[in-house]
Amino acid sequence: MNPNGKIFVTATLAALMLAIGYDSIRLMQEQRFNHALVRGDAVSTDGPGSALRQFAKAFDLQQAGDFRNAVQAYAAIDTRPDSRLQMDIKFNLANLYFQEALKLGETGANDLAMPLVELAKQNYKEILRIDNGNWDAKYNLELALVRSPDTEPVDALDERNPEHSPRALTKIKSREPLP
């Protein structure tokens, strides 16, 4: 084998060894993170701040019932607006808002619960605008609508002059002549 061939083979082997070493380190970091997720301790793990890692930490906070920190963690995730991860963030936020609203509703704090239900409905509707086949979002939107139905906007002119309203014609009792 000529000297140039030996140098090429040696350089190739060195590059492969470096790549294998780098991948091994990354694999160990990811395994450590996955084990922390299983233990429910993803928040305290170190490592690269990828969007998926941030999402996992936010979900861990959500599962722990830490409403404020979970909302902040979801808001801090930097993704493209049209990405699948962004849809997952919206879905988890909507669920988080709705669950918190249900908790507040049980304690009688409906004045605090209703804005959260509206935020949940808004997120579910945004998901369905992009992916109208998302059955989980449809189902959860239906639950939120049962809790707080959407009302149709009232035309100001109809409200001032109810006799001119198209709804007024359906509500007028018919008059029958006296016998």
N, C-alpha and C. Protein backbone atom coordinates (compact mmCIF):
# COMPACT_ATOMS: atom_id res chain seq x y z
N MET A 1 0.86 -1.17 0.00
CA MET A 1 0.00 0.00 0.00
C MET A 1 0.90 1.23 0.00
N ASN A 2 0.56 2.21 -0.79
CA ASN A 2 1.40 3.41 -0.87
C ASN A 2 1.15 4.30 0.35
N PRO A 3 2.05 5.24 0.62
CA PRO A 3 1.95 6.10 1.80
C PRO A 3 0.69 6.96 1.79
N ASN A 4 0.23 7.42 0.65
CA ASN A 4 -0.99 8.24 0.60
C ASN A 4 -2.21 7.42 0.99
N GLY A 5 -2.23 6.16 0.63
CA GLY A 5 -3.34 5.28 0.99
C GLY A 5 -3.40 5.05 2.49
N LYS A 6 -2.22 4.89 3.14
CA LYS A 6 -2.18 4.70 4.59
C LYS A 6 -2.67 5.94 5.32
N ILE A 7 -2.30 7.10 4.82
CA ILE A 7 -2.73 8.36 5.45
C ILE A 7 -4.25 8.50 5.32
N PHE A 8 -4.77 8.16 4.16
CA PHE A 8 -6.22 8.26 3.94
C PHE A 8 -6.97 7.31 4.87
N VAL A 9 -6.52 6.08 4.98
CA VAL A 9 -7.17 5.10 5.84
C VAL A 9 -7.09 5.54 7.30
N THR A 10 -5.94 6.04 7.73
CA THR A 10 -5.76 6.49 9.11
C THR A 10 -6.68 7.69 9.40
N ALA A 11 -6.75 8.63 8.48
CA ALA A 11 -7.61 9.81 8.67
C ALA A 11 -9.08 9.41 8.72
N THR A 12 -9.46 8.48 7.88
CA THR A 12 -10.86 8.00 7.86
C THR A 12 -11.20 7.31 9.17
N LEU A 13 -10.32 6.46 9.65
CA LEU A 13 -10.54 5.77 10.92
C LEU A 13 -10.62 6.76 12.08
N ALA A 14 -9.78 7.77 12.08
CA ALA A 14 -9.81 8.78 13.14
C ALA A 14 -11.12 9.54 13.12
N ALA A 15 -11.59 9.90 11.92
CA ALA A 15 -12.86 10.62 11.80
C ALA A 15 -14.02 9.76 12.28
N LEU A 16 -14.00 8.48 11.94
CA LEU A 16 -15.05 7.56 12.39
C LEU A 16 -15.04 7.40 13.90
N MET A 17 -13.85 7.32 14.49
CA MET A 17 -13.73 7.18 15.95
C MET A 17 -14.28 8.42 16.65
N LEU A 18 -13.98 9.61 16.11
CA LEU A 18 -14.53 10.84 16.69
C LEU A 18 -16.05 10.87 16.59
N ALA A 19 -16.59 10.47 15.45
CA ALA A 19 -18.04 10.46 15.27
C ALA A 19 -18.70 9.47 16.23
N ILE A 20 -18.10 8.31 16.38
CA ILE A 20 -18.65 7.31 17.30
C ILE A 20 -18.59 7.83 18.74
N GLY A 21 -17.50 8.46 19.11
CA GLY A 21 -17.37 9.02 20.46
C GLY A 21 -18.42 10.09 20.71
N TYR A 22 -18.61 10.99 19.75
CA TYR A 22 -19.61 12.07 19.90
C TYR A 22 -21.01 11.47 20.03
N ASP A 23 -21.36 10.51 19.16
CA ASP A 23 -22.68 9.88 19.23
C ASP A 23 -22.88 9.13 20.54
N SER A 24 -21.84 8.53 21.06
CA SER A 24 -21.94 7.81 22.34
C SER A 24 -22.24 8.76 23.48
N ILE A 25 -21.58 9.90 23.49
CA ILE A 25 -21.83 10.90 24.54
C ILE A 25 -23.27 11.41 24.45
N ARG A 26 -23.74 11.72 23.22
CA ARG A 26 -25.11 12.20 23.04
C ARG A 26 -26.12 11.14 23.46
N LEU A 27 -25.85 9.89 23.13
CA LEU A 27 -26.74 8.79 23.50
C LEU A 27 -26.83 8.67 25.02
N MET A 28 -25.72 8.78 25.71
CA MET A 28 -25.73 8.70 27.17
C MET A 28 -26.53 9.85 27.77
N GLN A 29 -26.39 11.08 27.21
CA GLN A 29 -27.16 12.22 27.70
C GLN A 29 -28.66 11.98 27.51
N GLU A 30 -29.03 11.49 26.35
CA GLU A 30 -30.45 11.24 26.07
C GLU A 30 -31.00 10.12 26.96
N GLN A 31 -30.21 9.08 27.20
CA GLN A 31 -30.66 8.02 28.10
C GLN A 31 -30.84 8.53 29.52
N ARG A 32 -29.92 9.39 29.96
CA ARG A 32 -30.03 9.99 31.29
C ARG A 32 -31.31 10.82 31.38
N PHE A 33 -31.59 11.58 30.33
CA PHE A 33 -32.81 12.40 30.31
C PHE A 33 -34.06 11.52 30.30
N ASN A 34 -34.06 10.46 29.50
CA ASN A 34 -35.21 9.56 29.45
C ASN A 34 -35.46 8.90 30.80
N HIS A 35 -34.41 8.50 31.49
CA HIS A 35 -34.57 7.92 32.82
C HIS A 35 -35.13 8.96 33.80
N ALA A 36 -34.70 10.20 33.65
CA ALA A 36 -35.24 11.27 34.51
C ALA A 36 -36.71 11.50 34.22
N LEU A 37 -37.12 11.38 32.95
CA LEU A 37 -38.53 11.52 32.61
C LEU A 37 -39.36 10.43 33.27
N VAL A 38 -38.86 9.22 33.24
CA VAL A 38 -39.57 8.10 33.84
C VAL A 38 -39.72 8.31 35.34
N ARG A 39 -38.67 8.85 35.97
CA ARG A 39 -38.72 9.14 37.42
C ARG A 39 -39.56 10.37 37.73
N GLY A 40 -39.92 11.16 36.69
CA GLY A 40 -40.67 12.40 36.92
C GLY A 40 -39.77 13.53 37.36
N ASP A 41 -38.52 13.49 36.96
CA ASP A 41 -37.54 14.47 37.40
C ASP A 41 -36.89 15.18 36.21
N ALA A 42 -37.65 15.40 35.13
CA ALA A 42 -37.08 16.01 33.92
C ALA A 42 -36.69 17.46 34.13
N VAL A 43 -37.31 18.13 35.09
CA VAL A 43 -37.03 19.54 35.30
C VAL A 43 -35.61 19.77 35.79
N SER A 44 -35.09 18.81 36.55
CA SER A 44 -33.77 19.02 37.14
C SER A 44 -32.63 18.49 36.27
N THR A 45 -32.94 17.92 35.11
CA THR A 45 -31.87 17.38 34.28
C THR A 45 -31.18 18.47 33.50
N ASP A 46 -29.91 18.26 33.24
CA ASP A 46 -29.13 19.19 32.43
C ASP A 46 -29.00 18.63 31.03
N GLY A 47 -28.59 19.49 30.14
CA GLY A 47 -28.37 19.04 28.78
C GLY A 47 -28.78 20.11 27.80
N PRO A 48 -28.68 19.79 26.53
CA PRO A 48 -29.02 20.77 25.51
C PRO A 48 -30.47 21.22 25.64
N GLY A 49 -30.72 22.46 25.34
CA GLY A 49 -32.06 23.03 25.49
C GLY A 49 -32.88 22.92 24.23
N SER A 50 -32.95 21.73 23.66
CA SER A 50 -33.75 21.56 22.45
C SER A 50 -35.22 21.79 22.76
N ALA A 51 -35.98 22.06 21.71
CA ALA A 51 -37.41 22.30 21.88
C ALA A 51 -38.11 21.08 22.46
N LEU A 52 -37.72 19.89 22.03
CA LEU A 52 -38.34 18.68 22.58
C LEU A 52 -38.03 18.50 24.06
N ARG A 53 -36.82 18.82 24.45
CA ARG A 53 -36.44 18.74 25.86
C ARG A 53 -37.25 19.75 26.69
N GLN A 54 -37.39 20.96 26.16
CA GLN A 54 -38.19 21.98 26.85
C GLN A 54 -39.65 21.53 26.94
N PHE A 55 -40.15 20.93 25.87
CA PHE A 55 -41.52 20.42 25.87
C PHE A 55 -41.69 19.35 26.95
N ALA A 56 -40.72 18.45 27.06
CA ALA A 56 -40.79 17.40 28.07
C ALA A 56 -40.78 17.99 29.48
N LYS A 57 -39.96 19.01 29.68
CA LYS A 57 -39.92 19.65 31.01
C LYS A 57 -41.25 20.34 31.32
N ALA A 58 -41.83 21.01 30.31
CA ALA A 58 -43.12 21.67 30.53
C ALA A 58 -44.21 20.64 30.82
N PHE A 59 -44.18 19.52 30.10
CA PHE A 59 -45.16 18.47 30.35
C PHE A 59 -44.99 17.87 31.74
N ASP A 60 -43.76 17.73 32.18
CA ASP A 60 -43.49 17.23 33.52
C ASP A 60 -44.09 18.18 34.57
N LEU A 61 -43.94 19.48 34.35
CA LEU A 61 -44.54 20.45 35.27
C LEU A 61 -46.07 20.36 35.24
N GLN A 62 -46.62 20.14 34.06
CA GLN A 62 -48.07 20.01 33.93
C GLN A 62 -48.56 18.79 34.70
N GLN A 63 -47.84 17.67 34.54
CA GLN A 63 -48.22 16.44 35.25
C GLN A 63 -48.11 16.61 36.77
N ALA A 64 -47.18 17.45 37.20
CA ALA A 64 -46.99 17.69 38.64
C ALA A 64 -48.04 18.64 39.20
N GLY A 65 -48.85 19.25 38.31
CA GLY A 65 -49.89 20.16 38.76
C GLY A 65 -49.41 21.57 39.01
N ASP A 66 -48.25 21.92 38.51
CA ASP A 66 -47.69 23.26 38.68
C ASP A 66 -48.15 24.15 37.51
N PHE A 67 -49.35 24.72 37.65
CA PHE A 67 -50.00 25.45 36.56
C PHE A 67 -49.17 26.61 36.04
N ARG A 68 -48.78 27.50 36.92
CA ARG A 68 -48.05 28.71 36.49
C ARG A 68 -46.72 28.40 35.79
N ASN A 69 -45.94 27.54 36.40
CA ASN A 69 -44.64 27.21 35.81
C ASN A 69 -44.79 26.42 34.50
N ALA A 70 -45.82 25.59 34.42
CA ALA A 70 -46.05 24.84 33.18
C ALA A 70 -46.42 25.80 32.05
N VAL A 71 -47.29 26.77 32.32
CA VAL A 71 -47.66 27.75 31.29
C VAL A 71 -46.44 28.54 30.84
N GLN A 72 -45.62 28.95 31.80
CA GLN A 72 -44.40 29.69 31.46
C GLN A 72 -43.43 28.82 30.66
N ALA A 73 -43.33 27.55 31.02
CA ALA A 73 -42.42 26.65 30.30
C ALA A 73 -42.90 26.41 28.87
N TYR A 74 -44.20 26.24 28.68
CA TYR A 74 -44.72 26.08 27.32
C TYR A 74 -44.51 27.35 26.50
N ALA A 75 -44.68 28.50 27.13
CA ALA A 75 -44.51 29.77 26.41
C ALA A 75 -43.05 30.01 26.03
N ALA A 76 -42.12 29.44 26.77
CA ALA A 76 -40.69 29.66 26.51
C ALA A 76 -40.14 28.80 25.37
N ILE A 77 -40.93 27.81 24.92
CA ILE A 77 -40.45 26.92 23.87
C ILE A 77 -40.47 27.67 22.54
N ASP A 78 -39.33 27.66 21.86
CA ASP A 78 -39.18 28.36 20.59
C ASP A 78 -39.33 27.37 19.45
N THR A 79 -40.45 27.48 18.71
CA THR A 79 -40.70 26.60 17.57
C THR A 79 -41.20 27.41 16.39
N ARG A 80 -41.21 26.78 15.23
CA ARG A 80 -41.83 27.41 14.06
C ARG A 80 -43.34 27.39 14.26
N PRO A 81 -44.05 28.45 13.81
CA PRO A 81 -45.50 28.49 14.03
C PRO A 81 -46.27 27.35 13.37
N ASP A 82 -45.76 26.78 12.30
CA ASP A 82 -46.49 25.73 11.60
C ASP A 82 -46.00 24.33 11.92
N SER A 83 -45.18 24.20 12.94
CA SER A 83 -44.61 22.89 13.25
C SER A 83 -45.59 22.02 14.03
N ARG A 84 -45.36 20.73 13.98
CA ARG A 84 -46.19 19.77 14.73
C ARG A 84 -46.02 19.99 16.23
N LEU A 85 -44.81 20.35 16.64
CA LEU A 85 -44.58 20.60 18.06
C LEU A 85 -45.41 21.79 18.54
N GLN A 86 -45.57 22.81 17.70
CA GLN A 86 -46.38 23.97 18.07
C GLN A 86 -47.84 23.54 18.30
N MET A 87 -48.33 22.61 17.48
CA MET A 87 -49.69 22.09 17.66
C MET A 87 -49.79 21.33 18.99
N ASP A 88 -48.77 20.55 19.31
CA ASP A 88 -48.77 19.81 20.57
C ASP A 88 -48.73 20.77 21.77
N ILE A 89 -47.97 21.85 21.63
CA ILE A 89 -47.92 22.85 22.70
C ILE A 89 -49.29 23.47 22.90
N LYS A 90 -49.95 23.85 21.81
CA LYS A 90 -51.29 24.44 21.90
C LYS A 90 -52.27 23.47 22.54
N PHE A 91 -52.18 22.19 22.16
CA PHE A 91 -53.09 21.20 22.71
C PHE A 91 -52.86 21.02 24.21
N ASN A 92 -51.60 20.92 24.61
CA ASN A 92 -51.30 20.76 26.03
C ASN A 92 -51.69 22.00 26.83
N LEU A 93 -51.47 23.18 26.25
CA LEU A 93 -51.88 24.41 26.94
C LEU A 93 -53.40 24.46 27.10
N ALA A 94 -54.11 24.09 26.05
CA ALA A 94 -55.57 24.08 26.13
C ALA A 94 -56.04 23.12 27.22
N ASN A 95 -55.44 21.94 27.25
CA ASN A 95 -55.80 20.98 28.30
C ASN A 95 -55.47 21.52 29.68
N LEU A 96 -54.33 22.18 29.79
CA LEU A 96 -53.91 22.75 31.07
C LEU A 96 -54.89 23.82 31.53
N TYR A 97 -55.27 24.70 30.61
CA TYR A 97 -56.24 25.75 30.94
C TYR A 97 -57.58 25.14 31.36
N PHE A 98 -58.03 24.14 30.62
CA PHE A 98 -59.33 23.55 30.91
C PHE A 98 -59.31 22.81 32.25
N GLN A 99 -58.23 22.07 32.52
CA GLN A 99 -58.14 21.35 33.80
C GLN A 99 -58.12 22.33 34.97
N GLU A 100 -57.39 23.43 34.82
CA GLU A 100 -57.34 24.43 35.89
C GLU A 100 -58.69 25.08 36.07
N ALA A 101 -59.40 25.32 34.96
CA ALA A 101 -60.74 25.91 35.04
C ALA A 101 -61.70 24.98 35.78
N LEU A 102 -61.59 23.68 35.51
CA LEU A 102 -62.45 22.73 36.21
C LEU A 102 -62.15 22.71 37.71
N LYS A 103 -60.87 22.78 38.07
CA LYS A 103 -60.50 22.83 39.49
C LYS A 103 -61.08 24.08 40.15
N LEU A 104 -60.92 25.21 39.47
CA LEU A 104 -61.44 26.47 40.03
C LEU A 104 -62.96 26.45 40.10
N GLY A 105 -63.60 25.84 39.12
CA GLY A 105 -65.06 25.75 39.12
C GLY A 105 -65.58 24.92 40.28
N GLU A 106 -64.84 23.89 40.66
CA GLU A 106 -65.25 23.06 41.79
C GLU A 106 -65.19 23.83 43.11
N THR A 107 -64.29 24.81 43.18
CA THR A 107 -64.17 25.60 44.41
C THR A 107 -65.13 26.80 44.40
N GLY A 108 -65.87 26.96 43.30
CA GLY A 108 -66.82 28.06 43.21
C GLY A 108 -66.24 29.34 42.66
N ALA A 109 -65.03 29.31 42.16
CA ALA A 109 -64.39 30.50 41.61
C ALA A 109 -64.64 30.59 40.10
N ASN A 110 -65.93 30.67 39.72
CA ASN A 110 -66.28 30.70 38.31
C ASN A 110 -65.78 31.96 37.60
N ASP A 111 -65.63 33.06 38.34
CA ASP A 111 -65.13 34.28 37.72
C ASP A 111 -63.67 34.10 37.26
N LEU A 112 -62.92 33.21 37.89
CA LEU A 112 -61.56 32.90 37.46
C LEU A 112 -61.53 31.75 36.45
N ALA A 113 -62.51 30.86 36.54
CA ALA A 113 -62.52 29.68 35.68
C ALA A 113 -62.94 30.02 34.26
N MET A 114 -63.89 30.92 34.08
CA MET A 114 -64.43 31.18 32.74
C MET A 114 -63.38 31.73 31.76
N PRO A 115 -62.49 32.65 32.16
CA PRO A 115 -61.46 33.07 31.20
C PRO A 115 -60.53 31.92 30.79
N LEU A 116 -60.28 30.99 31.70
CA LEU A 116 -59.43 29.85 31.36
C LEU A 116 -60.14 28.92 30.37
N VAL A 117 -61.45 28.76 30.53
CA VAL A 117 -62.22 27.96 29.58
C VAL A 117 -62.17 28.61 28.21
N GLU A 118 -62.27 29.93 28.16
CA GLU A 118 -62.21 30.64 26.88
C GLU A 118 -60.84 30.49 26.22
N LEU A 119 -59.77 30.53 27.03
CA LEU A 119 -58.43 30.30 26.47
C LEU A 119 -58.30 28.88 25.92
N ALA A 120 -58.87 27.93 26.63
CA ALA A 120 -58.82 26.54 26.17
C ALA A 120 -59.58 26.41 24.85
N LYS A 121 -60.78 27.00 24.77
CA LYS A 121 -61.56 26.92 23.54
C LYS A 121 -60.82 27.57 22.38
N GLN A 122 -60.18 28.69 22.64
CA GLN A 122 -59.44 29.40 21.60
C GLN A 122 -58.31 28.52 21.06
N ASN A 123 -57.56 27.86 21.94
CA ASN A 123 -56.47 26.99 21.50
C ASN A 123 -56.99 25.77 20.73
N TYR A 124 -58.09 25.17 21.20
CA TYR A 124 -58.66 24.03 20.49
C TYR A 124 -59.11 24.46 19.09
N LYS A 125 -59.72 25.62 18.98
CA LYS A 125 -60.18 26.11 17.68
C LYS A 125 -59.01 26.39 16.74
N GLU A 126 -57.91 26.93 17.28
CA GLU A 126 -56.73 27.17 16.45
C GLU A 126 -56.17 25.85 15.91
N ILE A 127 -56.17 24.84 16.74
CA ILE A 127 -55.69 23.52 16.30
C ILE A 127 -56.59 22.99 15.18
N LEU A 128 -57.90 23.14 15.37
CA LEU A 128 -58.84 22.61 14.38
C LEU A 128 -58.83 23.40 13.08
N ARG A 129 -58.45 24.68 13.14
CA ARG A 129 -58.32 25.45 11.90
C ARG A 129 -57.20 24.88 11.03
N ILE A 130 -56.15 24.41 11.67
CA ILE A 130 -55.01 23.86 10.95
C ILE A 130 -55.23 22.39 10.60
N ASP A 131 -55.77 21.63 11.55
CA ASP A 131 -55.97 20.19 11.36
C ASP A 131 -57.38 19.84 11.83
N ASN A 132 -58.36 19.92 10.91
CA ASN A 132 -59.75 19.69 11.32
C ASN A 132 -60.05 18.21 11.57
N GLY A 133 -59.08 17.34 11.39
CA GLY A 133 -59.27 15.94 11.69
C GLY A 133 -58.75 15.53 13.06
N ASN A 134 -58.35 16.49 13.88
CA ASN A 134 -57.81 16.19 15.20
C ASN A 134 -58.97 15.90 16.15
N TRP A 135 -59.26 14.62 16.33
CA TRP A 135 -60.43 14.22 17.12
C TRP A 135 -60.28 14.53 18.60
N ASP A 136 -59.06 14.49 19.10
CA ASP A 136 -58.86 14.83 20.52
C ASP A 136 -59.23 16.30 20.77
N ALA A 137 -58.80 17.19 19.86
CA ALA A 137 -59.13 18.60 20.01
C ALA A 137 -60.64 18.82 19.84
N LYS A 138 -61.27 18.10 18.92
CA LYS A 138 -62.73 18.22 18.73
C LYS A 138 -63.47 17.81 19.99
N TYR A 139 -63.08 16.68 20.54
CA TYR A 139 -63.74 16.17 21.75
C TYR A 139 -63.57 17.14 22.92
N ASN A 140 -62.34 17.60 23.12
CA ASN A 140 -62.08 18.51 24.24
C ASN A 140 -62.76 19.85 24.03
N LEU A 141 -62.84 20.33 22.77
CA LEU A 141 -63.57 21.56 22.49
C LEU A 141 -65.04 21.39 22.84
N GLU A 142 -65.58 20.23 22.51
CA GLU A 142 -66.99 19.97 22.84
C GLU A 142 -67.20 20.00 24.36
N LEU A 143 -66.27 19.42 25.11
CA LEU A 143 -66.38 19.47 26.58
C LEU A 143 -66.32 20.91 27.09
N ALA A 144 -65.42 21.71 26.50
CA ALA A 144 -65.30 23.11 26.91
C ALA A 144 -66.55 23.90 26.52
N LEU A 145 -67.14 23.56 25.38
CA LEU A 145 -68.37 24.25 24.96
C LEU A 145 -69.55 23.90 25.85
N VAL A 146 -69.57 22.68 26.37
CA VAL A 146 -70.62 22.31 27.32
C VAL A 146 -70.47 23.14 28.59
N ARG A 147 -69.24 23.33 29.00
CA ARG A 147 -68.95 24.11 30.22
C ARG A 147 -69.29 25.58 30.02
N SER A 148 -68.96 26.11 28.83
CA SER A 148 -69.19 27.52 28.55
C SER A 148 -69.54 27.68 27.07
N PRO A 149 -70.84 27.62 26.74
CA PRO A 149 -71.24 27.70 25.33
C PRO A 149 -70.88 29.04 24.70
N ASP A 150 -70.55 28.99 23.41
CA ASP A 150 -70.32 30.23 22.67
C ASP A 150 -71.67 30.88 22.44
N THR A 151 -71.70 32.18 22.57
CA THR A 151 -72.93 32.93 22.30
C THR A 151 -72.74 33.67 20.99
N GLU A 152 -73.83 33.76 20.22
CA GLU A 152 -73.71 34.47 18.97
C GLU A 152 -73.76 35.97 19.23
N PRO A 153 -72.99 36.75 18.48
CA PRO A 153 -72.98 38.18 18.70
C PRO A 153 -74.35 38.79 18.38
N VAL A 154 -74.73 39.77 19.19
CA VAL A 154 -76.01 40.44 19.02
C VAL A 154 -75.78 41.72 18.25
N ASP A 155 -76.57 41.91 17.21
CA ASP A 155 -76.49 43.13 16.42
C ASP A 155 -77.06 44.28 17.24
N ALA A 156 -76.32 45.36 17.34
CA ALA A 156 -76.74 46.50 18.16
C ALA A 156 -78.04 47.09 17.66
N LEU A 157 -78.26 47.14 16.33
CA LEU A 157 -79.50 47.69 15.78
C LEU A 157 -80.68 46.82 16.17
N ASP A 158 -80.53 45.51 16.13
CA ASP A 158 -81.61 44.62 16.55
C ASP A 158 -81.93 44.79 18.02
N GLU A 159 -80.92 45.07 18.81
CA GLU A 159 -81.13 45.25 20.25
C GLU A 159 -81.88 46.55 20.54
N ARG A 160 -81.58 47.61 19.77
CA ARG A 160 -82.27 48.89 19.98
C ARG A 160 -83.70 48.85 19.46
N ASN A 161 -83.91 48.15 18.34
CA ASN A 161 -85.23 48.06 17.74
C ASN A 161 -85.61 46.59 17.60
N PRO A 162 -86.04 45.97 18.69
CA PRO A 162 -86.28 44.53 18.63
C PRO A 162 -87.40 44.15 17.66
N GLU A 163 -88.30 45.07 17.35
CA GLU A 163 -89.37 44.72 16.43
C GLU A 163 -88.87 44.52 15.00
N HIS A 164 -87.66 45.03 14.69
CA HIS A 164 -87.08 44.86 13.36
C HIS A 164 -86.14 43.66 13.28
N SER A 165 -85.96 43.01 14.37
CA SER A 165 -85.05 41.88 14.42
C SER A 165 -85.67 40.67 13.72
N PRO A 166 -84.90 39.92 12.94
CA PRO A 166 -85.45 38.70 12.34
C PRO A 166 -85.86 37.67 13.38
N ARG A 167 -85.24 37.74 14.55
CA ARG A 167 -85.64 36.81 15.62
C ARG A 167 -86.97 37.18 16.22
N ALA A 168 -87.35 38.45 16.08
CA ALA A 168 -88.62 38.89 16.67
C ALA A 168 -89.80 38.23 15.97
N LEU A 169 -89.69 38.01 14.67
CA LEU A 169 -90.79 37.39 13.94
C LEU A 169 -91.07 35.98 14.41
N THR A 170 -90.06 35.28 14.83
CA THR A 170 -90.26 33.90 15.28
C THR A 170 -90.81 33.85 16.70
N LYS A 171 -90.73 34.93 17.41
CA LYS A 171 -91.18 34.94 18.80
C LYS A 171 -92.53 35.60 18.99
N ILE A 172 -93.08 36.18 17.93
CA ILE A 172 -94.38 36.85 18.04
C ILE A 172 -95.46 35.78 18.11
N LYS A 173 -96.34 35.92 19.11
CA LYS A 173 -97.45 34.99 19.23
C LYS A 173 -98.50 35.40 18.19
N SER A 174 -99.03 34.41 17.54
CA SER A 174 -100.06 34.72 16.55
C SER A 174 -101.35 35.09 17.27
N ARG A 175 -102.05 36.03 16.68
CA ARG A 175 -103.32 36.48 17.29
C ARG A 175 -104.46 35.84 16.52
N GLU A 176 -105.39 35.36 17.27
CA GLU A 176 -106.57 34.72 16.67
C GLU A 176 -107.77 35.60 16.95
N PRO A 177 -108.66 35.69 16.00
CA PRO A 177 -109.86 36.52 16.24
C PRO A 177 -110.72 35.92 17.36
N LEU A 178 -111.41 36.79 18.05
CA LEU A 178 -112.31 36.32 19.11
C LEU A 178 -113.53 35.65 18.48
N PRO A 179 -114.09 34.65 19.16
CA PRO A 179 -115.27 33.98 18.59
C PRO A 179 -116.52 34.82 18.65
